[in-house]
N, C-alpha and C. Protein backbone atom coordinates (compact mmCIF):
# COMPACT_ATOMS: atom_id res chain seq x y z
N MET A 1 60.58 132.97 55.33
CA MET A 1 60.49 133.21 56.78
C MET A 1 59.05 132.89 57.32
N ILE A 2 59.01 132.04 57.78
CA ILE A 2 57.68 130.92 58.46
C ILE A 2 57.70 131.17 59.96
N VAL A 3 56.25 132.03 60.38
CA VAL A 3 55.84 132.42 61.61
C VAL A 3 55.10 131.16 62.02
N CYS A 4 55.70 130.32 63.30
CA CYS A 4 54.68 128.89 63.93
C CYS A 4 53.73 130.00 64.63
N MET A 5 52.55 129.18 65.01
CA MET A 5 51.70 129.33 66.32
C MET A 5 52.35 128.84 67.42
N SER A 6 53.04 128.09 67.31
CA SER A 6 54.03 127.68 68.75
C SER A 6 55.47 126.96 68.76
N ARG A 7 56.10 127.08 69.78
CA ARG A 7 57.29 126.76 69.85
C ARG A 7 57.45 125.14 69.09
N ARG A 8 56.00 124.50 69.59
CA ARG A 8 56.47 123.11 69.55
C ARG A 8 56.00 122.93 68.04
N ILE A 9 55.17 123.34 67.26
CA ILE A 9 54.73 123.04 65.99
C ILE A 9 56.41 123.94 65.21
N CYS A 10 56.76 124.73 65.95
CA CYS A 10 57.65 125.40 65.01
C CYS A 10 59.11 123.89 65.10
N VAL A 11 59.33 123.38 66.06
CA VAL A 11 60.99 122.12 66.57
C VAL A 11 60.13 121.45 65.31
N ALA A 12 59.08 120.70 65.32
CA ALA A 12 58.50 119.61 64.91
C ALA A 12 58.44 119.92 62.99
N LEU A 13 57.83 121.27 63.01
CA LEU A 13 58.23 121.20 61.30
C LEU A 13 59.61 121.66 61.06
N TYR A 14 60.52 121.77 61.69
CA TYR A 14 62.25 122.13 61.64
C TYR A 14 62.49 120.69 61.22
N THR A 15 62.40 119.94 62.66
CA THR A 15 62.52 118.17 62.17
C THR A 15 62.12 117.96 61.01
N ALA A 16 61.02 117.63 60.64
CA ALA A 16 60.24 117.35 59.27
C ALA A 16 61.30 117.86 58.50
N ILE A 17 61.57 119.25 58.21
CA ILE A 17 62.20 119.45 57.13
C ILE A 17 63.77 118.93 56.98
N VAL A 18 64.34 118.57 58.05
CA VAL A 18 65.55 118.33 58.47
C VAL A 18 65.69 117.08 57.83
N LYS A 19 64.89 115.99 58.25
CA LYS A 19 64.58 115.00 57.39
C LYS A 19 64.87 114.33 56.23
N LEU A 20 64.07 115.63 54.97
CA LEU A 20 64.04 115.91 54.01
C LEU A 20 65.13 116.29 53.28
N ARG A 21 65.88 116.96 54.16
CA ARG A 21 66.94 117.98 53.46
C ARG A 21 68.35 118.02 54.85
N PRO A 22 68.98 116.77 55.07
CA PRO A 22 69.58 116.80 56.43
C PRO A 22 70.67 117.99 55.97
N ASP A 23 71.37 118.38 54.81
CA ASP A 23 72.13 119.24 54.37
C ASP A 23 71.91 120.52 54.75
N TRP A 24 70.75 120.78 55.14
CA TRP A 24 70.37 122.09 55.53
C TRP A 24 70.40 122.76 56.75
N HIS A 25 70.75 121.58 57.70
CA HIS A 25 71.15 121.56 59.24
C HIS A 25 72.15 121.72 59.14
N SER A 26 72.82 122.82 60.54
CA SER A 26 74.00 123.18 61.23
C SER A 26 73.68 123.19 62.46
N ASP A 27 74.84 122.87 63.34
CA ASP A 27 74.70 123.41 64.91
C ASP A 27 75.18 124.63 65.03
N ASP A 28 76.00 125.20 63.74
CA ASP A 28 76.48 126.72 64.17
C ASP A 28 75.29 127.52 63.47
N ASP A 29 75.27 128.58 64.32
CA ASP A 29 74.28 129.82 64.03
C ASP A 29 74.70 130.49 62.79
N LYS A 30 76.01 130.71 62.27
CA LYS A 30 76.19 131.48 60.94
C LYS A 30 75.93 130.01 59.81
N THR A 31 75.81 128.87 59.91
CA THR A 31 76.07 128.14 58.58
C THR A 31 74.56 127.30 58.67
N GLY A 32 74.25 126.47 57.72
CA GLY A 32 73.10 125.89 57.72
C GLY A 32 72.34 126.79 56.84
N ALA A 33 71.10 126.06 56.38
CA ALA A 33 70.36 126.67 55.19
C ALA A 33 68.79 127.07 56.26
N ILE A 34 68.71 126.53 57.48
CA ILE A 34 67.38 126.94 58.03
C ILE A 34 67.56 127.02 59.91
N LYS A 35 66.92 127.82 60.52
CA LYS A 35 67.11 128.44 61.89
C LYS A 35 65.78 128.54 62.70
N ILE A 36 66.06 128.06 63.68
CA ILE A 36 64.85 128.42 64.34
C ILE A 36 65.18 129.64 65.36
N VAL A 37 64.23 130.96 65.63
CA VAL A 37 64.31 131.94 66.37
C VAL A 37 63.47 132.21 67.24
N MET A 38 63.87 131.75 68.79
CA MET A 38 62.83 131.31 69.73
C MET A 38 63.67 131.55 71.17
N THR A 39 62.48 132.00 71.75
CA THR A 39 62.93 132.08 73.33
C THR A 39 62.53 130.75 74.14
N GLY A 40 63.08 130.71 75.00
CA GLY A 40 63.26 129.48 76.30
C GLY A 40 63.97 129.46 77.32
N SER A 41 63.64 128.40 78.18
CA SER A 41 64.27 128.35 79.53
C SER A 41 65.03 126.79 79.35
N ALA A 42 65.59 126.72 80.70
CA ALA A 42 66.59 125.27 80.86
C ALA A 42 65.32 124.27 81.05
N ALA A 43 64.11 124.99 81.56
CA ALA A 43 62.98 123.74 81.79
C ALA A 43 62.22 123.29 80.15
N ASP A 44 62.39 123.69 79.53
CA ASP A 44 61.92 123.17 77.83
C ASP A 44 62.52 121.93 77.55
N PRO A 45 61.80 121.25 76.99
CA PRO A 45 62.29 119.79 76.76
C PRO A 45 63.84 120.25 75.53
N GLN A 46 64.10 118.72 76.24
CA GLN A 46 65.74 118.38 75.77
C GLN A 46 65.85 118.78 74.01
N GLY A 47 64.95 118.69 73.70
CA GLY A 47 65.01 118.62 71.73
C GLY A 47 65.07 119.83 71.69
N TRP A 48 64.33 120.65 72.35
CA TRP A 48 64.05 122.34 72.12
C TRP A 48 65.65 123.06 72.19
N GLN A 49 66.28 122.57 73.02
CA GLN A 49 67.29 123.30 73.91
C GLN A 49 68.34 123.91 72.57
N PRO A 50 68.20 122.94 71.36
CA PRO A 50 69.66 123.88 70.58
C PRO A 50 68.98 124.93 69.83
N HIS A 51 67.58 125.01 69.77
CA HIS A 51 67.13 125.98 69.48
C HIS A 51 66.86 127.36 69.65
N ILE A 52 67.14 127.53 71.22
CA ILE A 52 66.47 128.41 71.69
C ILE A 52 67.81 129.20 71.67
N GLY A 53 67.28 130.43 71.84
CA GLY A 53 68.43 131.77 71.76
C GLY A 53 69.25 132.19 72.88
N LYS A 54 70.27 132.26 72.30
CA LYS A 54 71.45 132.34 73.32
C LYS A 54 72.10 134.12 72.94
N GLY A 55 71.26 134.78 73.35
CA GLY A 55 71.55 136.06 73.10
C GLY A 55 71.87 136.73 71.76
N PRO A 56 72.92 137.66 71.83
CA PRO A 56 73.00 138.61 70.50
C PRO A 56 73.58 137.20 69.50
N PRO A 57 74.52 136.40 69.18
CA PRO A 57 74.52 136.08 67.75
C PRO A 57 73.36 135.16 67.50
N ARG A 58 72.64 134.82 68.43
CA ARG A 58 71.35 134.35 67.31
C ARG A 58 70.45 135.68 67.26
N GLN A 59 70.53 136.22 68.04
CA GLN A 59 69.53 137.55 67.47
C GLN A 59 69.72 137.93 66.02
N THR A 60 71.19 137.93 65.61
CA THR A 60 71.56 138.84 64.83
C THR A 60 70.54 138.99 63.33
N GLY A 61 70.15 139.98 63.18
CA GLY A 61 68.84 139.87 61.77
C GLY A 61 67.69 139.78 62.04
N GLU A 62 67.49 139.15 63.11
CA GLU A 62 66.19 138.59 63.53
C GLU A 62 64.98 139.97 63.08
N GLU A 63 65.17 141.23 63.26
CA GLU A 63 64.53 142.43 62.93
C GLU A 63 64.11 142.85 61.69
N SER A 64 64.80 142.01 60.67
CA SER A 64 64.37 142.08 59.17
C SER A 64 64.06 140.73 58.83
N GLY A 65 64.03 139.78 59.55
CA GLY A 65 63.87 138.17 59.40
C GLY A 65 65.06 137.71 58.23
N ARG A 66 65.24 137.94 57.23
CA ARG A 66 66.77 137.59 56.83
C ARG A 66 68.10 138.71 56.78
N PRO A 67 69.14 138.73 57.25
CA PRO A 67 69.98 139.82 56.79
C PRO A 67 70.82 139.15 55.82
N ALA A 68 71.25 140.38 54.87
CA ALA A 68 72.00 140.30 53.87
C ALA A 68 72.71 139.60 53.40
N GLU A 69 73.90 139.52 54.43
CA GLU A 69 75.29 138.37 54.58
C GLU A 69 74.41 137.02 55.31
N SER A 70 73.49 136.65 55.47
CA SER A 70 73.39 135.01 55.80
C SER A 70 72.43 134.33 54.84
N ARG A 71 73.27 133.05 55.22
CA ARG A 71 73.29 131.77 53.88
C ARG A 71 71.92 130.79 54.11
N HIS A 72 71.13 131.06 55.53
CA HIS A 72 69.76 130.23 55.58
C HIS A 72 68.53 130.98 54.68
N ARG A 73 67.98 129.54 54.13
CA ARG A 73 67.32 129.77 53.39
C ARG A 73 65.74 129.82 54.02
N VAL A 74 65.66 129.37 55.37
CA VAL A 74 64.43 129.49 55.83
C VAL A 74 64.36 129.56 57.22
N ARG A 75 63.67 130.85 57.08
CA ARG A 75 63.82 131.03 59.15
C ARG A 75 62.85 130.93 59.76
N TYR A 76 62.48 129.87 60.94
CA TYR A 76 61.68 130.03 61.57
C TYR A 76 61.23 130.88 63.00
N VAL A 77 60.43 131.48 63.05
CA VAL A 77 60.04 132.32 64.36
C VAL A 77 58.96 131.66 65.20
N ALA A 78 59.22 131.83 66.42
CA ALA A 78 58.42 131.54 67.33
C ALA A 78 58.15 132.69 68.70
N ASP A 79 57.45 132.90 69.24
CA ASP A 79 57.27 134.14 70.58
C ASP A 79 57.42 135.55 69.95
N ARG A 80 57.14 135.69 68.75
CA ARG A 80 57.39 136.93 68.32
C ARG A 80 56.29 137.74 68.30
N LEU A 81 55.08 137.52 68.70
CA LEU A 81 53.85 138.20 68.51
C LEU A 81 53.86 139.34 69.63
């Protein structure tokens, strides 16, 4: 798990990793090797929208960082302090 200082940093780091490892990305919350867990609103930049939590499906396993059934290798967390 990587905890970022800001949502902007989280999204920038995610984008950089996906450029190096495109197969780690997935639009589906349940697949893909990396995910960002963050809160936000419709007023946030368009590039952040895919990462903004959308209720219970995105929140699954946040408490432990990585649920046992997760296929995610890395989870980026913002706004959890």
